[in-house]
């Protein structure tokens, strides 16, 4: 179970991400940061969920990489 203190800290991280997205979308930020803001905004829900639940897809990626290696070695 996530403690209230940790949850408040995590929500602060998500708030800072929102601030960064807002700042990067300003016209003065330039095209590179605006593109980054678009990417961050597009992945916001997934990022926030990952931070809140402290989960990731590392095991799935590792399994897929292993499968790919085995398939390659057969050829």
C-alpha atoms as a PDB file:
ATOM      1  CA  UNK A   1       0.000   0.000   0.000  1.00  0.00           C
ATOM      2  CA  UNK A   2       1.286   3.462  -0.868  1.00  0.00           C
ATOM      3  CA  UNK A   3       1.587   5.821   2.090  1.00  0.00           C
ATOM      4  CA  UNK A   4      -0.111   9.211   2.020  1.00  0.00           C
ATOM      5  CA  UNK A   5       3.257  10.975   2.220  1.00  0.00           C
ATOM      6  CA  UNK A   6       4.572   9.087  -0.788  1.00  0.00           C
ATOM      7  CA  UNK A   7       1.351   9.685  -2.700  1.00  0.00           C
ATOM      8  CA  UNK A   8       1.620  13.448  -2.090  1.00  0.00           C
ATOM      9  CA  UNK A   9       5.202  13.364  -3.390  1.00  0.00           C
ATOM     10  CA  UNK A  10       4.193  11.437  -6.478  1.00  0.00           C
ATOM     11  CA  UNK A  11       1.355  13.825  -7.216  1.00  0.00           C
ATOM     12  CA  UNK A  12       3.884  16.670  -6.953  1.00  0.00           C
ATOM     13  CA  UNK A  13       5.971  14.977  -9.659  1.00  0.00           C
ATOM     14  CA  UNK A  14       2.946  14.753 -11.910  1.00  0.00           C
ATOM     15  CA  UNK A  15       2.204  18.435 -11.243  1.00  0.00           C
ATOM     16  CA  UNK A  16       5.744  19.344 -12.272  1.00  0.00           C
ATOM     17  CA  UNK A  17       5.283  17.361 -15.474  1.00  0.00           C
ATOM     18  CA  UNK A  18       2.154  19.416 -16.183  1.00  0.00           C
ATOM     19  CA  UNK A  19       4.155  22.607 -15.549  1.00  0.00           C
ATOM     20  CA  UNK A  20       6.892  21.474 -17.928  1.00  0.00           C
ATOM     21  CA  UNK A  21       4.364  20.660 -20.655  1.00  0.00           C
ATOM     22  CA  UNK A  22       2.768  24.095 -20.246  1.00  0.00           C
ATOM     23  CA  UNK A  23       6.152  25.846 -20.417  1.00  0.00           C
ATOM     24  CA  UNK A  24       7.312  23.828 -23.441  1.00  0.00           C
ATOM     25  CA  UNK A  25       4.204  24.742 -25.427  1.00  0.00           C
ATOM     26  CA  UNK A  26       4.990  28.459 -25.242  1.00  0.00           C
ATOM     27  CA  UNK A  27       5.986  29.954 -28.618  1.00  0.00           C
ATOM     28  CA  UNK A  28       9.345  31.085 -27.178  1.00  0.00           C
ATOM     29  CA  UNK A  29      10.270  27.484 -26.349  1.00  0.00           C
ATOM     30  CA  UNK A  30      11.050  26.627 -29.955  1.00  0.00           C
ATOM     31  CA  UNK A  31      10.040  23.700 -32.139  1.00  0.00           C
ATOM     32  CA  UNK A  32      12.107  21.037 -30.337  1.00  0.00           C
ATOM     33  CA  UNK A  33      10.564  21.702 -26.936  1.00  0.00           C
ATOM     34  CA  UNK A  34       7.102  22.061 -28.449  1.00  0.00           C
ATOM     35  CA  UNK A  35       7.493  18.632 -30.021  1.00  0.00           C
ATOM     36  CA  UNK A  36       8.669  17.260 -26.659  1.00  0.00           C
ATOM     37  CA  UNK A  37       5.607  18.830 -25.007  1.00  0.00           C
ATOM     38  CA  UNK A  38       3.374  17.118 -27.544  1.00  0.00           C
ATOM     39  CA  UNK A  39       5.005  13.749 -26.809  1.00  0.00           C
ATOM     40  CA  UNK A  40       4.809  14.243 -23.031  1.00  0.00           C
ATOM     41  CA  UNK A  41       1.177  15.275 -23.300  1.00  0.00           C
ATOM     42  CA  UNK A  42       0.361  12.259 -25.458  1.00  0.00           C
ATOM     43  CA  UNK A  43       1.948   9.894 -22.892  1.00  0.00           C
ATOM     44  CA  UNK A  44       0.757  11.792 -19.794  1.00  0.00           C
ATOM     45  CA  UNK A  45      -1.802   9.196 -18.657  1.00  0.00           C
ATOM     46  CA  UNK A  46       0.620   6.305 -19.015  1.00  0.00           C
ATOM     47  CA  UNK A  47       3.404   8.204 -17.242  1.00  0.00           C
ATOM     48  CA  UNK A  48       1.146   9.254 -14.378  1.00  0.00           C
ATOM     49  CA  UNK A  49      -0.159   5.708 -13.956  1.00  0.00           C
ATOM     50  CA  UNK A  50       3.378   4.342 -13.903  1.00  0.00           C
ATOM     51  CA  UNK A  51       4.409   6.852 -11.241  1.00  0.00           C
ATOM     52  CA  UNK A  52       1.299   6.220  -9.115  1.00  0.00           C
ATOM     53  CA  UNK A  53       1.421   2.425  -9.281  1.00  0.00           C
ATOM     54  CA  UNK A  54       5.208   2.094  -9.501  1.00  0.00           C
ATOM     55  CA  UNK A  55       4.863  -0.476 -12.274  1.00  0.00           C
ATOM     56  CA  UNK A  56       6.590  -0.891 -15.606  1.00  0.00           C
ATOM     57  CA  UNK A  57       6.749  -3.282 -18.520  1.00  0.00           C
ATOM     58  CA  UNK A  58      10.374  -4.326 -18.050  1.00  0.00           C
ATOM     59  CA  UNK A  59       9.641  -8.038 -17.701  1.00  0.00           C
ATOM     60  CA  UNK A  60       7.547  -8.068 -20.855  1.00  0.00           C
ATOM     61  CA  UNK A  61      10.258  -6.259 -22.806  1.00  0.00           C
ATOM     62  CA  UNK A  62      12.908  -8.675 -21.511  1.00  0.00           C
ATOM     63  CA  UNK A  63      10.809 -11.698 -22.476  1.00  0.00           C
ATOM     64  CA  UNK A  64      10.186 -10.303 -25.957  1.00  0.00           C
ATOM     65  CA  UNK A  65      13.896  -9.606 -26.410  1.00  0.00           C
ATOM     66  CA  UNK A  66      14.739 -13.169 -25.375  1.00  0.00           C
ATOM     67  CA  UNK A  67      12.162 -14.573 -27.824  1.00  0.00           C
ATOM     68  CA  UNK A  68      13.653 -12.442 -30.581  1.00  0.00           C
ATOM     69  CA  UNK A  69      17.175 -13.683 -29.749  1.00  0.00           C
ATOM     70  CA  UNK A  70      16.048 -17.328 -29.861  1.00  0.00           C
ATOM     71  CA  UNK A  71      14.330 -16.810 -33.221  1.00  0.00           C
ATOM     72  CA  UNK A  72      17.468 -15.150 -34.591  1.00  0.00           C
ATOM     73  CA  UNK A  73      19.711 -17.976 -33.421  1.00  0.00           C
ATOM     74  CA  UNK A  74      17.582 -20.548 -35.276  1.00  0.00           C
ATOM     75  CA  UNK A  75      18.209 -18.868 -38.637  1.00  0.00           C
END
